Amino acid sequence: MNAAETYDPTTDSLEALSNWAAAEGTTIKAQTDEKVVGRLQLTPTTIDLNQAAITYDLFAGTIQDVLVERLVIRMTGGAIGGAVTSISIQTDDATPQVFITAIEGAVANLTNEAQLSWVSLGAAILLKVGKKIQLTINGGAAGVARVCDVVAGCRAVVSGGYLA
């Protein structure tokens, strides 16, 4: 492809685009910032269920609002014991948006390597800047360390938004 030709994205390769742009004296820069509006971002964290029966912060909306589309928590280290009766995951809004209910997070469901998840089916949750996604431990501590992996997936509403 030479400078006089045009690039057809339906049939030409990315290499052809790069060659055409170079012949035109144009530089192509790929967008790699995951905080760009609309790009899926995955944010991981961990939480130990061997803690007091209170609410703990998992994630916070930062810089700009985000749409939370998915969340998963994966149990590790054996079945949950001790005084834990359930867990739940929700936002800290005045009217909390619930990802995992205490019924879904009942101790019977917290088996070794179990995964509890929430996925938006056309109804993502808008998390405002400064608002948090929190996990509540009900009953009491697990008795021994039970560190769980938690991953949230979101998209920035305005470029720059992310979960921290």
Protein backbone atom coordinates (compact mmCIF):
# COMPACT_ATOMS: atom_id res chain seq x y z
CA MET A 1 0.00 0.00 0.00
CA ASN A 2 1.46 3.36 -0.95
CA ALA A 3 0.59 6.88 0.08
CA ALA A 4 -1.84 7.31 -2.82
CA GLU A 5 -3.92 4.34 -1.64
CA THR A 6 -6.40 4.36 1.18
CA TYR A 7 -6.67 2.04 4.12
CA ASP A 8 -9.72 -0.25 4.30
CA PRO A 9 -10.23 -1.50 7.89
CA THR A 10 -12.52 -4.29 6.70
CA THR A 11 -9.86 -5.95 4.57
CA ASP A 12 -6.43 -4.50 5.39
CA SER A 13 -4.21 -5.66 8.25
CA LEU A 14 -2.89 -3.48 11.07
CA GLU A 15 0.53 -3.79 9.47
CA ALA A 16 -0.93 -2.32 6.25
CA LEU A 17 -2.39 0.54 8.28
CA SER A 18 0.96 1.18 9.93
CA ASN A 19 2.77 1.14 6.56
CA TRP A 20 0.19 3.46 5.00
CA ALA A 21 0.41 5.88 7.94
CA ALA A 22 4.22 5.90 7.77
CA ALA A 23 4.07 6.69 4.03
CA GLU A 24 1.67 9.56 4.82
CA GLY A 25 4.00 10.85 7.54
CA THR A 26 1.44 10.07 10.25
CA THR A 27 2.10 8.39 13.56
CA ILE A 28 -0.45 6.03 15.04
CA LYS A 29 -0.59 5.91 18.81
CA ALA A 30 -2.50 3.12 20.51
CA GLN A 31 -4.66 4.05 23.47
CA THR A 32 -3.39 2.04 26.43
CA ASP A 33 -4.79 3.94 29.42
CA GLU A 34 -7.37 1.66 31.04
CA LYS A 35 -8.97 4.68 32.73
CA VAL A 36 -10.36 5.90 29.40
CA VAL A 37 -14.14 6.23 29.41
CA GLY A 38 -15.83 2.94 28.58
CA ARG A 39 -12.81 0.64 28.87
CA LEU A 40 -13.24 -2.34 31.22
CA GLN A 41 -10.97 -2.15 34.27
CA LEU A 42 -10.40 -5.06 36.65
CA THR A 43 -9.33 -4.17 40.19
CA PRO A 44 -8.21 -6.93 42.58
CA THR A 45 -7.91 -6.93 46.36
CA THR A 46 -7.95 -9.42 49.23
CA ILE A 47 -9.83 -9.63 52.53
CA ASP A 48 -9.32 -11.89 55.54
CA LEU A 49 -12.56 -13.19 57.02
CA ASN A 50 -10.83 -13.84 60.34
CA GLN A 51 -11.81 -10.40 61.62
CA ALA A 52 -14.49 -8.86 63.82
CA ALA A 53 -18.09 -8.82 62.60
CA ILE A 54 -18.12 -5.32 61.11
CA THR A 55 -17.95 -3.72 57.66
CA TYR A 56 -14.64 -3.40 55.80
CA ASP A 57 -13.75 -1.29 52.76
CA LEU A 58 -12.86 -3.19 49.58
CA PHE A 59 -12.81 -0.49 46.88
CA ALA A 60 -13.42 3.25 46.56
CA GLY A 61 -14.53 5.28 43.54
CA THR A 62 -11.65 7.58 42.62
CA ILE A 63 -11.25 10.74 40.45
CA GLN A 64 -14.48 10.23 38.42
CA ASP A 65 -17.63 8.09 38.72
CA VAL A 66 -17.51 4.47 37.50
CA LEU A 67 -20.09 1.92 36.41
CA VAL A 68 -19.50 -1.34 38.28
CA GLU A 69 -20.38 -4.28 36.03
CA ARG A 70 -19.06 -7.33 37.88
CA LEU A 71 -17.71 -8.50 41.16
CA VAL A 72 -16.41 -11.88 42.34
CA ILE A 73 -15.11 -13.15 45.67
CA ARG A 74 -13.19 -16.44 45.80
CA MET A 75 -12.87 -18.35 49.05
CA THR A 76 -9.52 -19.89 49.95
CA GLY A 77 -7.97 -22.06 52.64
CA GLY A 78 -10.78 -24.47 53.45
CA ALA A 79 -14.35 -24.09 54.62
CA ILE A 80 -15.23 -21.02 56.67
CA GLY A 81 -15.66 -21.79 60.35
CA GLY A 82 -15.50 -19.91 63.62
CA ALA A 83 -18.31 -17.49 64.38
CA VAL A 84 -18.93 -16.32 60.78
CA THR A 85 -22.57 -16.77 59.81
CA SER A 86 -22.46 -14.91 56.49
CA ILE A 87 -20.86 -12.16 54.46
CA SER A 88 -22.38 -9.53 52.21
CA ILE A 89 -20.93 -7.02 49.75
CA GLN A 90 -22.59 -3.67 49.10
CA THR A 91 -21.97 0.02 48.50
CA ASP A 92 -21.85 2.54 51.34
CA ASP A 93 -24.61 4.69 49.81
CA ALA A 94 -27.50 5.87 52.03
CA THR A 95 -29.49 3.26 50.11
CA PRO A 96 -26.84 0.53 49.60
CA GLN A 97 -26.60 -1.22 46.28
CA VAL A 98 -26.09 -4.92 47.04
CA PHE A 99 -23.72 -7.15 45.09
CA ILE A 100 -23.76 -10.26 47.32
CA THR A 101 -26.58 -10.64 49.87
CA ALA A 102 -26.14 -12.19 53.33
CA ILE A 103 -28.31 -15.07 52.07
CA GLU A 104 -26.00 -15.67 49.08
CA GLY A 105 -23.01 -15.22 51.39
CA ALA A 106 -24.30 -17.68 54.02
CA VAL A 107 -21.59 -19.79 55.65
CA ALA A 108 -22.94 -22.90 53.88
CA ASN A 109 -21.94 -21.25 50.57
CA LEU A 110 -18.45 -20.25 51.75
CA THR A 111 -16.80 -23.59 51.05
CA ASN A 112 -13.17 -24.08 49.98
CA GLU A 113 -12.57 -22.33 46.64
CA ALA A 114 -16.23 -21.36 46.26
CA GLN A 115 -16.81 -18.29 44.14
CA LEU A 116 -19.68 -15.90 44.67
CA SER A 117 -20.24 -13.42 41.88
CA TRP A 118 -22.45 -10.61 40.73
CA VAL A 119 -22.66 -9.61 37.07
CA SER A 120 -24.60 -6.70 35.66
CA LEU A 121 -27.28 -7.86 33.25
CA GLY A 122 -28.00 -4.45 31.77
CA ALA A 123 -28.21 -2.77 35.18
CA ALA A 124 -24.70 -1.71 36.21
CA ILE A 125 -24.23 0.10 39.51
CA LEU A 126 -23.07 3.72 39.36
CA LEU A 127 -20.43 4.30 42.03
CA LYS A 128 -19.89 7.98 42.71
CA VAL A 129 -16.47 9.44 43.53
CA GLY A 130 -15.67 8.82 47.19
CA LYS A 131 -18.26 6.08 47.60
CA LYS A 132 -17.10 2.60 48.58
CA ILE A 133 -17.77 -1.06 47.96
CA GLN A 134 -17.68 -2.80 51.33
CA LEU A 135 -17.77 -6.33 52.73
CA THR A 136 -19.67 -7.05 55.93
CA ILE A 137 -18.77 -10.01 58.12
CA ASN A 138 -21.79 -11.23 60.11
CA GLY A 139 -21.53 -13.32 63.27
CA GLY A 140 -17.85 -13.01 64.04
CA ALA A 141 -14.33 -13.97 63.01
CA ALA A 142 -13.57 -17.14 61.01
CA GLY A 143 -11.29 -18.48 63.76
CA VAL A 144 -8.30 -18.91 61.43
CA ALA A 145 -6.96 -16.86 58.52
CA ARG A 146 -9.30 -17.04 55.52
CA VAL A 147 -7.89 -14.61 52.96
CA CYS A 148 -10.23 -14.29 49.99
CA ASP A 149 -9.59 -12.78 46.57
CA VAL A 150 -12.04 -10.10 45.40
CA VAL A 151 -12.09 -8.64 41.88
CA ALA A 152 -14.35 -5.83 40.67
CA GLY A 153 -14.85 -4.86 37.03
CA CYS A 154 -15.90 -1.32 36.16
CA ARG A 155 -15.81 1.28 33.41
CA ALA A 156 -15.05 4.97 33.85
CA VAL A 157 -18.06 7.21 33.17
CA VAL A 158 -15.64 10.07 32.43
CA SER A 159 -12.00 9.38 31.57
CA GLY A 160 -9.91 9.11 34.72
CA GLY A 161 -12.39 7.23 36.91
CA TYR A 162 -11.26 4.01 38.58
CA LEU A 163 -11.57 1.86 41.70
CA ALA A 164 -8.80 1.99 44.29
